[in-house]
Amino acid sequence: MRILLTNDDGVHSAGLRALAEVASRHGEPIICAPDRERSACGHGMTLREPLRMRQVETASGVPAFEVNGLPVDCVNLALHELLPNGCDLVIAGINNGPNLGWDSTYSGTVGGALEGSVNRIRSLAISVAIYVEDAPAHFETAATWLENAWDWLTTAPLPDYTVLNINVPSIAWTELRGTRSTRMGTRTYEDRVEKRQDPWGRNYFWQGGVVITGNEEPGTDVTAVSEGFVSVTPIRMDWTDHASLVSLERHIAAFARESRVG
């Protein structure tokens, strides 16, 4: 099995090393990842700057290449230059922090997996859900879970252009309560933009904010992880709200009739 590994934390991240160790036991992995952290870049890609790729040595011992771009760039370059005959699996991670609910749309890790699905390759994104600043990241828990779940993750029926977004609570392996299939939950923030001044009195801004609690709806990834379960959420490239199409078509038809009368 040919396996492409990427992330948005950088080619030398501890999470990617843990992922590579698991992948090495199940196939022939190759790493193509950003040369530095690229968090919150979503499904973005580089269009107006040249991309450069070079081979590097990493602690995992897996063949590794770094790119001065985003996770999507890494997947595309790898499939073009390193794996011209394609691969069987794309895994993005193990991300240092949660990619839950609506935050998944910002995630470069999820973006890398989505790019794998664009190329009709089975793709997974896996993250460690750390909530407290400077708390230990239990990458070993995510790696052990992935090792145990490998067979069904790589064989379960999965529609084209759909990826599995996996979030593992950052707790000890023995504390995990199980695994849940989930839908995307809600993640909203307060004080999202903070305005500051530099020593010369010029304004600048930091984005971030504090997650608003109380959004734990049953059946969501947010709730599952908060209760100590691994969440596995299928997400699709097609963002169409199909339930709204019928009513939208009625409004368009009504507008067209009124316009002709007018």
C-alpha atoms as a PDB file:
ATOM      1  CA  MET A   1       0.000   0.000   0.000  1.00  0.00           C
ATOM      2  CA  ARG A   2       1.388   3.391  -1.033  1.00  0.00           C
ATOM      3  CA  ILE A   3       0.567   6.029   1.580  1.00  0.00           C
ATOM      4  CA  LEU A   4       1.027   9.804   1.337  1.00  0.00           C
ATOM      5  CA  LEU A   5       1.386  11.639   4.654  1.00  0.00           C
ATOM      6  CA  THR A   6       1.014  15.387   5.133  1.00  0.00           C
ATOM      7  CA  ASN A   7      -0.025  17.897   7.798  1.00  0.00           C
ATOM      8  CA  ASP A   8      -0.191  21.603   8.587  1.00  0.00           C
ATOM      9  CA  ASP A   9       2.181  21.560  11.591  1.00  0.00           C
ATOM     10  CA  GLY A  10       5.347  21.154   9.548  1.00  0.00           C
ATOM     11  CA  VAL A  11       7.457  18.298   8.289  1.00  0.00           C
ATOM     12  CA  HIS A  12       9.329  17.838  11.585  1.00  0.00           C
ATOM     13  CA  SER A  13       6.287  17.791  13.900  1.00  0.00           C
ATOM     14  CA  ALA A  14       5.915  15.134  16.583  1.00  0.00           C
ATOM     15  CA  GLY A  15       2.434  14.221  15.374  1.00  0.00           C
ATOM     16  CA  LEU A  16       3.638  13.499  11.853  1.00  0.00           C
ATOM     17  CA  ARG A  17       6.439  11.350  13.251  1.00  0.00           C
ATOM     18  CA  ALA A  18       3.919   9.299  15.260  1.00  0.00           C
ATOM     19  CA  LEU A  19       1.729   8.931  12.174  1.00  0.00           C
ATOM     20  CA  ALA A  20       4.675   7.804  10.046  1.00  0.00           C
ATOM     21  CA  GLU A  21       5.554   5.075  12.527  1.00  0.00           C
ATOM     22  CA  VAL A  22       2.050   3.610  12.277  1.00  0.00           C
ATOM     23  CA  ALA A  23       1.877   3.940   8.487  1.00  0.00           C
ATOM     24  CA  SER A  24       5.247   2.182   8.139  1.00  0.00           C
ATOM     25  CA  ARG A  25       3.741  -0.959   9.615  1.00  0.00           C
ATOM     26  CA  HIS A  26       0.987  -1.055   6.996  1.00  0.00           C
ATOM     27  CA  GLY A  27       2.603  -0.001   3.753  1.00  0.00           C
ATOM     28  CA  GLU A  28       5.126   2.252   2.066  1.00  0.00           C
ATOM     29  CA  PRO A  29       4.623   5.788   3.321  1.00  0.00           C
ATOM     30  CA  ILE A  30       6.161   8.943   1.956  1.00  0.00           C
ATOM     31  CA  ILE A  31       5.961  12.340   3.635  1.00  0.00           C
ATOM     32  CA  CYS A  32       5.319  15.599   1.810  1.00  0.00           C
ATOM     33  CA  ALA A  33       4.561  18.397   4.248  1.00  0.00           C
ATOM     34  CA  PRO A  34       5.057  22.152   4.719  1.00  0.00           C
ATOM     35  CA  ASP A  35       8.468  23.390   5.777  1.00  0.00           C
ATOM     36  CA  ARG A  36       6.865  25.192   8.740  1.00  0.00           C
ATOM     37  CA  GLU A  37       3.557  25.470  10.558  1.00  0.00           C
ATOM     38  CA  ARG A  38       0.666  26.404   8.270  1.00  0.00           C
ATOM     39  CA  SER A  39      -2.305  26.101  10.624  1.00  0.00           C
ATOM     40  CA  ALA A  40      -5.698  27.554   9.662  1.00  0.00           C
ATOM     41  CA  CYS A  41      -4.950  27.696   5.933  1.00  0.00           C
ATOM     42  CA  GLY A  42      -7.972  25.535   5.117  1.00  0.00           C
ATOM     43  CA  HIS A  43      -8.189  24.204   1.565  1.00  0.00           C
ATOM     44  CA  GLY A  44      -6.047  27.045   0.254  1.00  0.00           C
ATOM     45  CA  MET A  45      -3.363  26.619  -2.376  1.00  0.00           C
ATOM     46  CA  THR A  46      -0.441  28.703  -3.646  1.00  0.00           C
ATOM     47  CA  LEU A  47      -1.007  30.337  -7.031  1.00  0.00           C
ATOM     48  CA  ARG A  48       1.158  33.471  -7.181  1.00  0.00           C
ATOM     49  CA  GLU A  49       4.467  32.260  -5.756  1.00  0.00           C
ATOM     50  CA  PRO A  50       6.808  29.503  -6.945  1.00  0.00           C
ATOM     51  CA  LEU A  51       6.790  26.273  -4.979  1.00  0.00           C
ATOM     52  CA  ARG A  52      10.009  24.525  -4.017  1.00  0.00           C
ATOM     53  CA  MET A  53      10.359  20.990  -2.734  1.00  0.00           C
ATOM     54  CA  ARG A  54      13.422  19.345  -1.251  1.00  0.00           C
ATOM     55  CA  GLN A  55      14.140  16.068   0.484  1.00  0.00           C
ATOM     56  CA  VAL A  56      14.886  16.242   4.209  1.00  0.00           C
ATOM     57  CA  GLU A  57      15.736  13.820   6.980  1.00  0.00           C
ATOM     58  CA  THR A  58      13.196  13.376   9.755  1.00  0.00           C
ATOM     59  CA  ALA A  59      13.181  11.391  12.974  1.00  0.00           C
ATOM     60  CA  SER A  60      10.691   8.892  11.529  1.00  0.00           C
ATOM     61  CA  GLY A  61      13.132   7.576   8.933  1.00  0.00           C
ATOM     62  CA  VAL A  62      10.384   7.681   6.294  1.00  0.00           C
ATOM     63  CA  PRO A  63      11.327   9.378   2.987  1.00  0.00           C
ATOM     64  CA  ALA A  64      10.326  12.991   3.547  1.00  0.00           C
ATOM     65  CA  PHE A  65      10.034  16.126   1.436  1.00  0.00           C
ATOM     66  CA  GLU A  66       9.307  19.658   2.585  1.00  0.00           C
ATOM     67  CA  VAL A  67       7.495  22.296   0.546  1.00  0.00           C
ATOM     68  CA  ASN A  68       7.408  26.057   1.014  1.00  0.00           C
ATOM     69  CA  GLY A  69       3.641  25.969   0.644  1.00  0.00           C
ATOM     70  CA  LEU A  70       0.383  24.702   2.096  1.00  0.00           C
ATOM     71  CA  PRO A  71      -0.899  21.158   2.699  1.00  0.00           C
ATOM     72  CA  VAL A  72      -2.896  21.224  -0.547  1.00  0.00           C
ATOM     73  CA  ASP A  73       0.280  22.198  -2.406  1.00  0.00           C
ATOM     74  CA  CYS A  74       2.101  19.302  -0.747  1.00  0.00           C
ATOM     75  CA  VAL A  75      -0.507  16.758  -1.847  1.00  0.00           C
ATOM     76  CA  ASN A  76      -0.519  18.051  -5.411  1.00  0.00           C
ATOM     77  CA  LEU A  77       3.274  18.162  -5.714  1.00  0.00           C
ATOM     78  CA  ALA A  78       3.623  14.707  -4.183  1.00  0.00           C
ATOM     79  CA  LEU A  79       1.116  13.177  -6.602  1.00  0.00           C
ATOM     80  CA  HIS A  80       2.771  14.931  -9.545  1.00  0.00           C
ATOM     81  CA  GLU A  81       6.450  14.395  -8.719  1.00  0.00           C
ATOM     82  CA  LEU A  82       6.837  11.691  -6.072  1.00  0.00           C
ATOM     83  CA  LEU A  83       3.913   9.383  -6.769  1.00  0.00           C
ATOM     84  CA  PRO A  84       3.149   9.781 -10.492  1.00  0.00           C
ATOM     85  CA  ASN A  85       1.344   6.432 -10.470  1.00  0.00           C
ATOM     86  CA  GLY A  86      -0.865   7.541  -7.613  1.00  0.00           C
ATOM     87  CA  CYS A  87      -1.256   6.143  -4.124  1.00  0.00           C
ATOM     88  CA  ASP A  88      -3.786   4.151  -2.139  1.00  0.00           C
ATOM     89  CA  LEU A  89      -4.241   6.361   0.888  1.00  0.00           C
ATOM     90  CA  VAL A  90      -3.694   9.956   2.021  1.00  0.00           C
ATOM     91  CA  ILE A  91      -3.479  10.696   5.752  1.00  0.00           C
ATOM     92  CA  ALA A  92      -3.136  14.209   7.155  1.00  0.00           C
ATOM     93  CA  GLY A  93      -2.028  14.607  10.765  1.00  0.00           C
ATOM     94  CA  ILE A  94      -1.593  13.836  13.515  1.00  0.00           C
ATOM     95  CA  ASN A  95      -2.612  17.446  14.112  1.00  0.00           C
ATOM     96  CA  ASN A  96      -1.573  19.220  17.307  1.00  0.00           C
ATOM     97  CA  GLY A  97      -5.021  20.422  18.388  1.00  0.00           C
ATOM     98  CA  PRO A  98      -8.672  19.703  17.625  1.00  0.00           C
ATOM     99  CA  ASN A  99     -10.328  20.032  14.236  1.00  0.00           C
ATOM    100  CA  LEU A 100     -13.898  19.867  15.459  1.00  0.00           C
ATOM    101  CA  GLY A 101     -17.160  21.242  14.142  1.00  0.00           C
ATOM    102  CA  TRP A 102     -17.012  24.351  12.010  1.00  0.00           C
ATOM    103  CA  ASP A 103     -13.312  24.749  12.808  1.00  0.00           C
ATOM    104  CA  SER A 104     -12.720  21.924  10.320  1.00  0.00           C
ATOM    105  CA  THR A 105     -13.296  24.417   7.517  1.00  0.00           C
ATOM    106  CA  TYR A 106     -10.247  26.411   8.660  1.00  0.00           C
ATOM    107  CA  SER A 107      -8.001  23.390   9.087  1.00  0.00           C
ATOM    108  CA  GLY A 108      -5.019  22.871   6.808  1.00  0.00           C
ATOM    109  CA  THR A 109      -4.892  19.260   7.986  1.00  0.00           C
ATOM    110  CA  VAL A 110      -8.467  18.680   6.813  1.00  0.00           C
ATOM    111  CA  GLY A 111      -7.664  20.670   3.660  1.00  0.00           C
ATOM    112  CA  GLY A 112      -4.831  18.274   2.821  1.00  0.00           C
ATOM    113  CA  ALA A 113      -7.147  15.284   3.235  1.00  0.00           C
ATOM    114  CA  LEU A 114      -9.809  16.946   1.088  1.00  0.00           C
ATOM    115  CA  GLU A 115      -7.247  17.417  -1.676  1.00  0.00           C
ATOM    116  CA  GLY A 116      -6.573  13.707  -1.550  1.00  0.00           C
ATOM    117  CA  SER A 117     -10.285  13.093  -2.040  1.00  0.00           C
ATOM    118  CA  VAL A 118     -10.352  15.507  -4.991  1.00  0.00           C
ATOM    119  CA  ASN A 119      -7.937  13.065  -6.623  1.00  0.00           C
ATOM    120  CA  ARG A 120     -10.319  10.212  -5.722  1.00  0.00           C
ATOM    121  CA  ILE A 121      -7.936   8.733  -3.136  1.00  0.00           C
ATOM    122  CA  ARG A 122      -9.218   7.452   0.203  1.00  0.00           C
ATOM    123  CA  SER A 123      -8.239  10.179   2.659  1.00  0.00           C
ATOM    124  CA  LEU A 124      -8.230  10.662   6.414  1.00  0.00           C
ATOM    125  CA  ALA A 125      -7.515  13.591   8.709  1.00  0.00           C
ATOM    126  CA  ILE A 126      -6.570  12.819  12.310  1.00  0.00           C
ATOM    127  CA  SER A 127      -6.087  15.252  15.177  1.00  0.00           C
ATOM    128  CA  VAL A 128      -5.377  15.234  18.902  1.00  0.00           C
ATOM    129  CA  ALA A 129      -7.963  17.360  20.692  1.00  0.00           C
ATOM    130  CA  ILE A 130      -5.982  19.465  23.158  1.00  0.00           C
ATOM    131  CA  TYR A 131      -7.976  22.186  24.901  1.00  0.00           C
ATOM    132  CA  VAL A 132      -5.568  23.584  27.504  1.00  0.00           C
ATOM    133  CA  GLU A 133      -2.543  25.713  26.614  1.00  0.00           C
ATOM    134  CA  ASP A 134       0.725  23.806  27.166  1.00  0.00           C
ATOM    135  CA  ALA A 135      -1.127  20.592  28.081  1.00  0.00           C
ATOM    136  CA  PRO A 136       0.649  17.419  26.910  1.00  0.00           C
ATOM    137  CA  ALA A 137      -0.313  16.193  23.453  1.00  0.00           C
ATOM    138  CA  HIS A 138      -1.057  12.485  23.667  1.00  0.00           C
ATOM    139  CA  PHE A 139       0.065  11.612  20.152  1.00  0.00           C
ATOM    140  CA  GLU A 140       0.731   8.094  21.390  1.00  0.00           C
ATOM    141  CA  THR A 141      -2.986   7.678  22.141  1.00  0.00           C
ATOM    142  CA  ALA A 142      -3.957   8.770  18.635  1.00  0.00           C
ATOM    143  CA  ALA A 143      -1.284   6.516  17.142  1.00  0.00           C
ATOM    144  CA  THR A 144      -2.467   3.499  19.155  1.00  0.00           C
ATOM    145  CA  TRP A 145      -6.077   4.166  18.173  1.00  0.00           C
ATOM    146  CA  LEU A 146      -5.070   4.454  14.507  1.00  0.00           C
ATOM    147  CA  GLU A 147      -3.128   1.197  14.714  1.00  0.00           C
ATOM    148  CA  ASN A 148      -6.154  -0.592  16.141  1.00  0.00           C
ATOM    149  CA  ALA A 149      -8.631   0.997  13.711  1.00  0.00           C
ATOM    150  CA  TRP A 150      -6.442   0.697  10.601  1.00  0.00           C
ATOM    151  CA  ASP A 151      -8.233  -2.229   8.969  1.00  0.00           C
ATOM    152  CA  TRP A 152     -11.735  -0.791   9.101  1.00  0.00           C
ATOM    153  CA  LEU A 153     -10.594   2.764   8.355  1.00  0.00           C
ATOM    154  CA  THR A 154      -8.976   1.601   5.122  1.00  0.00           C
ATOM    155  CA  THR A 155     -11.795  -0.702   4.001  1.00  0.00           C
ATOM    156  CA  ALA A 156     -15.085   0.822   5.214  1.00  0.00           C
ATOM    157  CA  PRO A 157     -17.324   1.995   2.329  1.00  0.00           C
ATOM    158  CA  LEU A 158     -16.641   5.660   1.618  1.00  0.00           C
ATOM    159  CA  PRO A 159     -18.228   7.688  -1.201  1.00  0.00           C
ATOM    160  CA  ASP A 160     -16.041   9.601  -3.636  1.00  0.00           C
ATOM    161  CA  TYR A 161     -14.949  13.060  -2.460  1.00  0.00           C
ATOM    162  CA  THR A 162     -15.626  12.185   1.197  1.00  0.00           C
ATOM    163  CA  VAL A 163     -12.969  12.114   3.925  1.00  0.00           C
ATOM    164  CA  LEU A 164     -13.033  10.872   7.491  1.00  0.00           C
ATOM    165  CA  ASN A 165     -12.209  13.610   9.980  1.00  0.00           C
ATOM    166  CA  ILE A 166     -10.977  11.948  13.180  1.00  0.00           C
ATOM    167  CA  ASN A 167     -10.501  13.665  16.532  1.00  0.00           C
ATOM    168  CA  VAL A 168      -8.875  11.794  19.416  1.00  0.00           C
ATOM    169  CA  PRO A 169      -9.157  13.233  22.939  1.00  0.00           C
ATOM    170  CA  SER A 170      -5.729  14.118  24.298  1.00  0.00           C
ATOM    171  CA  ILE A 171      -5.905  11.651  27.172  1.00  0.00           C
ATOM    172  CA  ALA A 172      -4.160   8.412  28.070  1.00  0.00           C
ATOM    173  CA  TRP A 173      -5.070   5.378  25.974  1.00  0.00           C
ATOM    174  CA  THR A 174      -6.606   3.622  28.987  1.00  0.00           C
ATOM    175  CA  GLU A 175      -8.969   6.571  29.521  1.00  0.00           C
ATOM    176  CA  LEU A 176     -10.552   6.453  26.055  1.00  0.00           C
ATOM    177  CA  ARG A 177     -14.206   5.398  26.271  1.00  0.00           C
ATOM    178  CA  GLY A 178     -14.583   4.206  22.671  1.00  0.00           C
ATOM    179  CA  THR A 179     -15.293   5.501  19.174  1.00  0.00           C
ATOM    180  CA  ARG A 180     -18.373   7.262  17.793  1.00  0.00           C
ATOM    181  CA  SER A 181     -19.478   8.102  14.282  1.00  0.00           C
ATOM    182  CA  THR A 182     -20.523  11.740  14.467  1.00  0.00           C
ATOM    183  CA  ARG A 183     -21.782  14.735  12.568  1.00  0.00           C
ATOM    184  CA  MET A 184     -20.069  18.112  12.534  1.00  0.00           C
ATOM    185  CA  GLY A 185     -20.849  20.120  15.648  1.00  0.00           C
ATOM    186  CA  THR A 186     -20.819  23.831  16.407  1.00  0.00           C
ATOM    187  CA  ARG A 187     -17.739  25.800  17.438  1.00  0.00           C
ATOM    188  CA  THR A 188     -18.239  29.529  17.959  1.00  0.00           C
ATOM    189  CA  TYR A 189     -15.989  32.095  19.636  1.00  0.00           C
ATOM    190  CA  GLU A 190     -16.212  35.315  21.582  1.00  0.00           C
ATOM    191  CA  ASP A 191     -13.691  38.171  21.405  1.00  0.00           C
ATOM    192  CA  ARG A 192     -12.533  36.753  18.059  1.00  0.00           C
ATOM    193  CA  VAL A 193     -10.484  39.842  17.152  1.00  0.00           C
ATOM    194  CA  GLU A 194      -8.280  41.632  19.671  1.00  0.00           C
ATOM    195  CA  LYS A 195      -7.067  45.128  18.840  1.00  0.00           C
ATOM    196  CA  ARG A 196      -3.675  46.232  20.166  1.00  0.00           C
ATOM    197  CA  GLN A 197      -1.117  48.977  19.597  1.00  0.00           C
ATOM    198  CA  ASP A 198       2.581  48.700  18.898  1.00  0.00           C
ATOM    199  CA  PRO A 199       5.133  50.972  20.662  1.00  0.00           C
ATOM    200  CA  TRP A 200       4.613  53.634  17.959  1.00  0.00           C
ATOM    201  CA  GLY A 201       0.850  53.802  18.518  1.00  0.00           C
ATOM    202  CA  ARG A 202      -0.082  51.932  15.359  1.00  0.00           C
ATOM    203  CA  ASN A 203      -2.984  49.512  15.533  1.00  0.00           C
ATOM    204  CA  TYR A 204      -2.586  45.797  14.896  1.00  0.00           C
ATOM    205  CA  PHE A 205      -4.882  42.842  15.445  1.00  0.00           C
ATOM    206  CA  TRP A 206      -4.735  39.268  16.738  1.00  0.00           C
ATOM    207  CA  GLN A 207      -7.371  36.734  15.756  1.00  0.00           C
ATOM    208  CA  GLY A 208      -8.221  33.870  18.064  1.00  0.00           C
ATOM    209  CA  GLY A 209     -10.799  34.207  20.795  1.00  0.00           C
ATOM    210  CA  VAL A 210     -12.300  31.872  23.356  1.00  0.00           C
ATOM    211  CA  VAL A 211     -14.588  28.993  22.440  1.00  0.00           C
ATOM    212  CA  ILE A 212     -18.133  29.513  23.702  1.00  0.00           C
ATOM    213  CA  THR A 213     -19.092  26.472  25.750  1.00  0.00           C
ATOM    214  CA  GLY A 214     -22.547  24.935  25.847  1.00  0.00           C
ATOM    215  CA  ASN A 215     -22.527  23.855  22.195  1.00  0.00           C
ATOM    216  CA  GLU A 216     -22.404  20.129  23.004  1.00  0.00           C
ATOM    217  CA  GLU A 217     -25.276  18.724  20.957  1.00  0.00           C
ATOM    218  CA  PRO A 218     -25.863  14.960  21.014  1.00  0.00           C
ATOM    219  CA  GLY A 219     -24.351  13.090  18.082  1.00  0.00           C
ATOM    220  CA  THR A 220     -21.703  15.681  17.251  1.00  0.00           C
ATOM    221  CA  ASP A 221     -17.928  15.461  17.169  1.00  0.00           C
ATOM    222  CA  VAL A 222     -17.683  18.210  19.792  1.00  0.00           C
ATOM    223  CA  THR A 223     -19.794  16.243  22.262  1.00  0.00           C
ATOM    224  CA  ALA A 224     -18.133  12.891  21.582  1.00  0.00           C
ATOM    225  CA  VAL A 225     -14.633  14.219  22.246  1.00  0.00           C
ATOM    226  CA  SER A 226     -15.724  16.151  25.345  1.00  0.00           C
ATOM    227  CA  GLU A 227     -17.093  12.855  26.725  1.00  0.00           C
ATOM    228  CA  GLY A 228     -13.844  10.976  26.068  1.00  0.00           C
ATOM    229  CA  PHE A 229     -14.738   9.288  22.784  1.00  0.00           C
ATOM    230  CA  VAL A 230     -12.876   9.368  19.481  1.00  0.00           C
ATOM    231  CA  SER A 231     -15.080  11.093  16.897  1.00  0.00           C
ATOM    232  CA  VAL A 232     -15.110   9.968  13.255  1.00  0.00           C
ATOM    233  CA  THR A 233     -16.977  12.399  11.014  1.00  0.00           C
ATOM    234  CA  PRO A 234     -17.468  11.898   7.271  1.00  0.00           C
ATOM    235  CA  ILE A 235     -17.213  15.251   5.507  1.00  0.00           C
ATOM    236  CA  ARG A 236     -17.645  16.006   1.815  1.00  0.00           C
ATOM    237  CA  MET A 237     -16.289  18.425  -0.750  1.00  0.00           C
ATOM    238  CA  ASP A 238     -19.903  19.100  -1.782  1.00  0.00           C
ATOM    239  CA  TRP A 239     -21.082  21.823   0.592  1.00  0.00           C
ATOM    240  CA  THR A 240     -24.473  22.148  -1.114  1.00  0.00           C
ATOM    241  CA  ASP A 241     -27.412  22.415   1.284  1.00  0.00           C
ATOM    242  CA  HIS A 242     -29.565  19.981  -0.652  1.00  0.00           C
ATOM    243  CA  ALA A 243     -32.519  20.443   1.724  1.00  0.00           C
ATOM    244  CA  SER A 244     -32.770  24.096   0.642  1.00  0.00           C
ATOM    245  CA  LEU A 245     -32.785  23.482  -3.108  1.00  0.00           C
ATOM    246  CA  VAL A 246     -36.538  22.879  -3.478  1.00  0.00           C
ATOM    247  CA  SER A 247     -37.605  26.008  -1.588  1.00  0.00           C
ATOM    248  CA  LEU A 248     -34.911  28.052  -3.330  1.00  0.00           C
ATOM    249  CA  GLU A 249     -36.181  26.933  -6.723  1.00  0.00           C
ATOM    250  CA  ARG A 250     -39.708  28.014  -5.768  1.00  0.00           C
ATOM    251  CA  HIS A 251     -38.464  31.486  -4.815  1.00  0.00           C
ATOM    252  CA  ILE A 252     -36.514  31.808  -8.059  1.00  0.00           C
ATOM    253  CA  ALA A 253     -39.579  30.769 -10.080  1.00  0.00           C
ATOM    254  CA  ALA A 254     -41.789  33.237  -8.209  1.00  0.00           C
ATOM    255  CA  PHE A 255     -39.281  36.037  -8.781  1.00  0.00           C
ATOM    256  CA  ALA A 256     -39.156  35.201 -12.486  1.00  0.00           C
ATOM    257  CA  ARG A 257     -42.963  35.386 -12.760  1.00  0.00           C
ATOM    258  CA  GLU A 258     -43.104  38.729 -10.936  1.00  0.00           C
ATOM    259  CA  SER A 259     -40.358  40.125 -13.144  1.00  0.00           C
ATOM    260  CA  ARG A 260     -42.258  39.234 -16.318  1.00  0.00           C
ATOM    261  CA  VAL A 261     -45.448  40.800 -14.947  1.00  0.00           C
ATOM    262  CA  GLY A 262     -43.562  43.965 -13.991  1.00  0.00           C
END
